[in-house]
Amino acid sequence: MVPSPGKFLSVKGIKTVASAFDISVDGHVHTRLCHHASGEMEDYVLSAIQRGLSKIIFLEHYESGISYFQSTWLNEDDFAYYHEEGRRLRQKYRGGIEIGLGIEVGFNPDRIERTRDFIQQYQWDRIALSYHYLKTPHGHVNMVSRRQDSIDRMVAIGIDRVVSAYFAGLLQGIKELPAEVVCHVDAVLRHYPGLSFNEQHHAQLDEVLERIKEKNIALEVNTSGFVHRNEPYPSFSLLQKAKKMGIRLVAGSDAHRPEDVGRYFDRLAVLL
């Protein structure tokens, strides 16, 4: 696969002097196993090698107790295959690229104990926290979805209420679950036109950052944001605040296609 012009930079051997931010590692990659991405695990490994990355971390979706019209996460059989195939690829590409097997844990306040139990079933190279699904009287709604029906449901609930619930849930997840990284922290309602956070939302974000700092959790710089708004998740202003607080940063493409591995990392090299 040939990268699109201007999107990729060979980052072999490139990293910041500070060990806190390394753009030779793509720490957030999905595959067809999550049921809304394409490509086999090996396709992503080959793409990472082509980009000159030193490491790729698969970060497949885990959700529990979600009532939604489609599954956008792995089931138990999927996770068993995921680890089996991951071990095979590590052996095959040993010496060429480091391969990590991680999990993107979707927070559900009704399934905290079940989530903890599942995390303990495997050894993970990265445990990351996200929050996608908000419980409503009519099932869950995906707070980061591009689907118009999902956006309409959130409008009916109230945009400010959804954003506040998102940050409150994210904060609770940071407190309750053994996360090492927090993903796309300000991606709530990312497809709603003209979204802006109010004073309460900014105060909640500050609290999220403070708790991340307190627990020594890393903050993901998710480059999928460049597709949607020409800056990553979180925004550059939030990243500057996080840097001043001494919060560790990790890079992730949130790739859902092999060709998206390492996307826009060249912009991070310049801007961060």
Protein backbone atom coordinates (compact mmCIF):
# COMPACT_ATOMS: atom_id res chain seq x y z
CA MET A 1 0.00 0.00 0.00
CA VAL A 2 1.32 3.43 -0.92
CA PRO A 3 0.73 6.26 1.57
CA SER A 4 -1.14 9.33 0.42
CA PRO A 5 1.11 12.33 -0.26
CA GLY A 6 1.63 14.59 2.73
CA LYS A 7 0.05 12.21 5.22
CA PHE A 8 3.01 10.15 6.29
CA LEU A 9 6.59 10.57 7.30
CA SER A 10 9.07 7.79 7.81
CA VAL A 11 9.73 8.06 11.53
CA LYS A 12 12.36 5.38 11.89
CA GLY A 13 14.59 6.42 14.72
CA ILE A 14 12.72 9.69 15.29
CA LYS A 15 11.51 10.47 18.79
CA THR A 16 11.49 13.45 21.05
CA VAL A 17 14.48 13.89 23.32
CA ALA A 18 12.12 13.59 26.25
CA SER A 19 10.99 9.97 26.62
CA ALA A 20 7.44 11.19 27.23
CA PHE A 21 6.54 11.42 23.54
CA ASP A 22 7.66 8.95 20.89
CA ILE A 23 6.29 9.22 17.35
CA SER A 24 8.00 6.03 16.23
CA VAL A 25 5.24 4.13 18.06
CA ASP A 26 1.62 3.95 16.91
CA GLY A 27 -0.20 3.02 20.09
CA HIS A 28 -3.79 2.83 18.86
CA VAL A 29 -4.66 0.49 15.99
CA HIS A 30 -7.84 -1.50 15.24
CA THR A 31 -8.52 -4.37 12.82
CA ARG A 32 -11.50 -6.12 11.27
CA LEU A 33 -11.93 -7.92 14.61
CA CYS A 34 -13.80 -4.91 16.05
CA HIS A 35 -16.49 -5.28 13.35
CA HIS A 36 -16.18 -1.71 12.06
CA ALA A 37 -12.62 -1.70 10.73
CA SER A 38 -11.02 -3.53 7.80
CA GLY A 39 -7.86 -5.57 7.37
CA GLU A 40 -6.10 -8.39 9.15
CA MET A 41 -3.64 -7.83 11.98
CA GLU A 42 -0.72 -8.70 9.71
CA ASP A 43 -1.78 -6.02 7.21
CA TYR A 44 -1.33 -3.41 9.95
CA VAL A 45 2.06 -4.79 10.94
CA LEU A 46 3.27 -4.57 7.34
CA SER A 47 1.95 -1.02 7.05
CA ALA A 48 3.78 -0.04 10.25
CA ILE A 49 7.02 -1.50 8.90
CA GLN A 50 6.55 0.45 5.67
CA ARG A 51 6.10 3.66 7.69
CA GLY A 52 9.36 3.01 9.52
CA LEU A 53 7.72 2.61 12.93
CA SER A 54 9.57 0.85 15.73
CA LYS A 55 6.41 -0.45 17.41
CA ILE A 56 2.70 -0.93 16.81
CA ILE A 57 0.19 -1.50 19.58
CA PHE A 58 -3.14 -3.05 18.69
CA LEU A 59 -5.83 -1.53 20.88
CA GLU A 60 -8.97 -3.52 20.26
CA HIS A 61 -12.38 -2.52 21.62
CA TYR A 62 -13.90 -4.03 24.75
CA GLU A 63 -17.44 -3.16 25.82
CA SER A 64 -19.75 -4.83 28.32
CA GLY A 65 -23.49 -4.54 28.83
CA ILE A 66 -24.11 -2.20 25.91
CA SER A 67 -27.52 -2.23 24.22
CA TYR A 68 -26.80 -0.97 20.71
CA PHE A 69 -28.00 -1.91 17.24
CA GLN A 70 -24.56 -3.20 16.18
CA SER A 71 -21.49 -4.65 17.87
CA THR A 72 -18.46 -2.41 17.45
CA TRP A 73 -16.29 -4.41 19.82
CA LEU A 74 -14.73 -7.85 20.14
CA ASN A 75 -16.45 -10.85 21.70
CA GLU A 76 -14.64 -13.47 23.79
CA ASP A 77 -13.80 -15.65 20.78
CA ASP A 78 -12.43 -12.61 18.96
CA PHE A 79 -10.15 -11.81 21.89
CA ALA A 80 -8.89 -15.39 22.04
CA TYR A 81 -7.98 -15.24 18.33
CA TYR A 82 -6.52 -11.76 18.79
CA HIS A 83 -3.98 -12.99 21.33
CA GLU A 84 -3.20 -16.16 19.39
CA GLU A 85 -2.56 -14.24 16.17
CA GLY A 86 -0.64 -11.58 18.04
CA ARG A 87 1.77 -14.19 19.40
CA ARG A 88 2.26 -15.59 15.90
CA LEU A 89 3.03 -12.17 14.45
CA ARG A 90 5.48 -11.36 17.24
CA GLN A 91 7.41 -14.50 16.40
CA LYS A 92 7.29 -13.89 12.64
CA TYR A 93 8.41 -10.25 12.79
CA ARG A 94 10.80 -10.51 15.72
CA GLY A 95 13.71 -8.19 15.14
CA GLY A 96 11.78 -6.16 12.56
CA ILE A 97 9.15 -4.43 14.67
CA GLU A 98 7.81 -4.65 18.21
CA ILE A 99 4.15 -5.68 18.42
CA GLY A 100 1.97 -4.86 21.42
CA LEU A 101 -1.44 -6.31 22.27
CA GLY A 102 -3.61 -3.82 24.09
CA ILE A 103 -7.23 -3.19 24.92
CA GLU A 104 -9.39 -0.08 24.57
CA VAL A 105 -11.78 -0.45 27.49
CA GLY A 106 -15.10 1.26 26.94
CA PHE A 107 -16.40 2.55 30.26
CA ASN A 108 -19.82 1.40 31.42
CA PRO A 109 -20.71 2.50 34.96
CA ASP A 110 -23.06 -0.50 35.28
CA ARG A 111 -20.33 -3.06 34.49
CA ILE A 112 -17.27 -1.94 36.46
CA GLU A 113 -16.66 -5.26 38.23
CA ARG A 114 -17.28 -7.28 35.08
CA THR A 115 -14.84 -5.08 33.20
CA ARG A 116 -12.17 -5.48 35.86
CA ASP A 117 -12.63 -9.26 35.77
CA PHE A 118 -12.24 -9.38 31.99
CA ILE A 119 -9.10 -7.25 32.02
CA GLN A 120 -7.50 -9.77 34.38
CA GLN A 121 -8.08 -12.66 31.93
CA TYR A 122 -5.17 -11.60 29.71
CA GLN A 123 -1.81 -9.94 29.92
CA TRP A 124 -1.98 -6.59 28.10
CA ASP A 125 0.76 -4.37 26.75
CA ARG A 126 -1.54 -1.38 27.11
CA ILE A 127 -4.83 -0.81 28.91
CA ALA A 128 -6.51 2.28 27.52
CA LEU A 129 -9.74 3.92 28.61
CA SER A 130 -12.42 5.44 26.42
CA TYR A 131 -16.11 6.23 26.79
CA HIS A 132 -18.43 5.73 23.85
CA TYR A 133 -21.91 4.63 24.93
CA LEU A 134 -24.31 6.68 27.05
CA LYS A 135 -27.20 4.83 28.64
CA THR A 136 -30.67 6.21 27.86
CA PRO A 137 -34.20 4.87 28.56
CA HIS A 138 -34.19 3.53 24.98
CA GLY A 139 -30.81 1.79 24.97
CA HIS A 140 -27.34 3.23 24.55
CA VAL A 141 -26.29 6.01 22.20
CA ASN A 142 -22.80 6.30 20.75
CA MET A 143 -21.44 9.69 21.80
CA VAL A 144 -18.71 9.73 19.16
CA SER A 145 -20.78 8.41 16.24
CA ARG A 146 -21.14 10.06 12.84
CA ARG A 147 -24.57 8.48 12.30
CA GLN A 148 -27.27 11.11 11.95
CA ASP A 149 -29.77 9.11 13.99
CA SER A 150 -27.28 8.99 16.88
CA ILE A 151 -26.65 12.73 16.62
CA ASP A 152 -30.42 13.37 16.55
CA ARG A 153 -30.87 11.31 19.72
CA MET A 154 -28.16 13.32 21.47
CA VAL A 155 -29.74 16.58 20.35
CA ALA A 156 -33.02 15.39 21.87
CA ILE A 157 -31.25 14.67 25.17
CA GLY A 158 -29.47 18.03 25.06
CA ILE A 159 -25.97 18.60 23.72
CA ASP A 160 -24.64 20.18 26.91
CA ARG A 161 -26.07 17.34 28.99
CA VAL A 162 -24.42 14.71 26.78
CA VAL A 163 -21.05 16.45 26.94
CA SER A 164 -21.28 16.79 30.72
CA ALA A 165 -22.25 13.12 31.06
CA TYR A 166 -19.31 12.14 28.84
CA PHE A 167 -16.73 13.97 30.95
CA ALA A 168 -18.30 12.75 34.19
CA GLY A 169 -18.18 9.15 32.95
CA LEU A 170 -14.61 9.51 31.74
CA LEU A 171 -13.60 10.86 35.13
CA GLN A 172 -15.31 7.96 36.91
CA GLY A 173 -13.63 5.48 34.60
CA ILE A 174 -10.22 6.96 35.39
CA LYS A 175 -10.97 6.55 39.09
CA GLU A 176 -12.43 3.03 38.88
CA LEU A 177 -10.47 1.16 36.19
CA PRO A 178 -6.77 0.27 35.82
CA ALA A 179 -6.15 2.46 32.77
CA GLU A 180 -2.64 3.39 31.62
CA VAL A 181 -3.76 5.69 28.81
CA VAL A 182 -6.86 7.83 28.20
CA CYS A 183 -8.01 7.91 24.57
CA HIS A 184 -9.33 10.84 22.47
CA VAL A 185 -10.34 12.72 25.60
CA ASP A 186 -12.37 15.51 23.91
CA ALA A 187 -13.91 13.51 21.03
CA VAL A 188 -17.47 13.58 22.37
CA LEU A 189 -19.96 14.67 19.68
CA ARG A 190 -17.06 15.08 17.28
CA HIS A 191 -19.45 14.99 14.30
CA TYR A 192 -21.89 17.56 15.67
CA PRO A 193 -21.39 20.80 13.72
CA GLY A 194 -20.24 23.83 15.64
CA LEU A 195 -19.81 22.08 18.97
CA SER A 196 -18.24 24.21 21.70
CA PHE A 197 -17.63 23.42 25.36
CA ASN A 198 -19.14 25.66 28.02
CA GLU A 199 -17.56 26.77 31.28
CA GLN A 200 -18.75 23.67 33.12
CA HIS A 201 -17.28 21.39 30.46
CA HIS A 202 -13.90 23.10 30.68
CA ALA A 203 -13.97 22.71 34.46
CA GLN A 204 -14.72 19.00 34.01
CA LEU A 205 -11.85 18.68 31.53
CA ASP A 206 -9.50 20.32 34.02
CA GLU A 207 -10.59 17.77 36.62
CA VAL A 208 -9.99 14.93 34.15
CA LEU A 209 -6.46 16.22 33.46
CA GLU A 210 -5.77 16.61 37.16
CA ARG A 211 -6.81 13.03 37.85
CA ILE A 212 -4.75 11.78 34.90
CA LYS A 213 -1.73 13.58 36.34
CA GLU A 214 -2.42 12.30 39.85
CA LYS A 215 -2.56 8.67 38.69
CA ASN A 216 0.40 9.04 36.32
CA ILE A 217 -1.72 8.02 33.33
CA ALA A 218 -0.67 8.96 29.81
CA LEU A 219 -2.81 11.15 27.56
CA GLU A 220 -3.24 9.97 24.00
CA VAL A 221 -2.58 12.30 21.08
CA ASN A 222 -5.06 10.79 18.64
CA THR A 223 -4.31 11.85 15.07
CA SER A 224 -7.70 10.81 13.69
CA GLY A 225 -8.73 14.31 14.72
CA PHE A 226 -6.84 15.75 11.77
CA VAL A 227 -9.42 14.12 9.50
CA HIS A 228 -12.34 15.74 11.32
CA ARG A 229 -11.07 19.11 12.54
CA ASN A 230 -7.44 19.59 11.42
CA GLU A 231 -6.02 19.01 14.90
CA PRO A 232 -5.74 15.91 17.06
CA TYR A 233 -7.84 14.72 19.98
CA PRO A 234 -7.34 16.40 22.35
CA SER A 235 -7.00 19.88 20.87
CA PHE A 236 -3.67 21.67 20.76
CA SER A 237 -4.79 24.01 23.54
CA LEU A 238 -5.54 21.04 25.80
CA LEU A 239 -2.27 19.39 24.86
CA GLN A 240 -0.35 22.52 25.82
CA LYS A 241 -2.12 22.54 29.18
CA ALA A 242 -1.32 18.85 29.68
CA LYS A 243 2.34 19.42 28.82
CA LYS A 244 2.59 22.24 31.36
CA MET A 245 1.11 19.87 33.96
CA GLY A 246 3.78 17.30 33.14
CA ILE A 247 1.34 14.72 31.78
CA ARG A 248 2.91 12.05 29.58
CA LEU A 249 1.79 11.96 25.94
CA VAL A 250 1.56 8.94 23.63
CA ALA A 251 0.79 8.96 19.91
CA GLY A 252 -2.00 6.94 18.30
CA SER A 253 -3.51 6.96 14.83
CA ASP A 254 -6.78 5.20 15.76
CA ALA A 255 -6.31 3.41 12.44
CA HIS A 256 -9.27 1.43 11.15
CA ARG A 257 -7.55 0.64 7.83
CA PRO A 258 -3.99 -0.59 7.33
CA GLU A 259 -3.12 2.49 5.28
CA ASP A 260 -3.98 4.74 8.25
CA VAL A 261 -1.22 3.45 10.52
CA GLY A 262 0.98 6.36 11.58
CA ARG A 263 -1.20 8.89 9.81
CA TYR A 264 -0.30 12.55 10.38
CA PHE A 265 2.55 11.70 12.74
CA ASP A 266 4.68 14.11 10.73
CA ARG A 267 2.47 16.94 11.99
CA LEU A 268 3.10 15.85 15.56
CA ALA A 269 6.84 15.94 14.98
CA VAL A 270 6.55 19.57 13.92
CA LEU A 271 3.91 20.80 16.34
CA LEU A 272 4.70 18.90 19.51
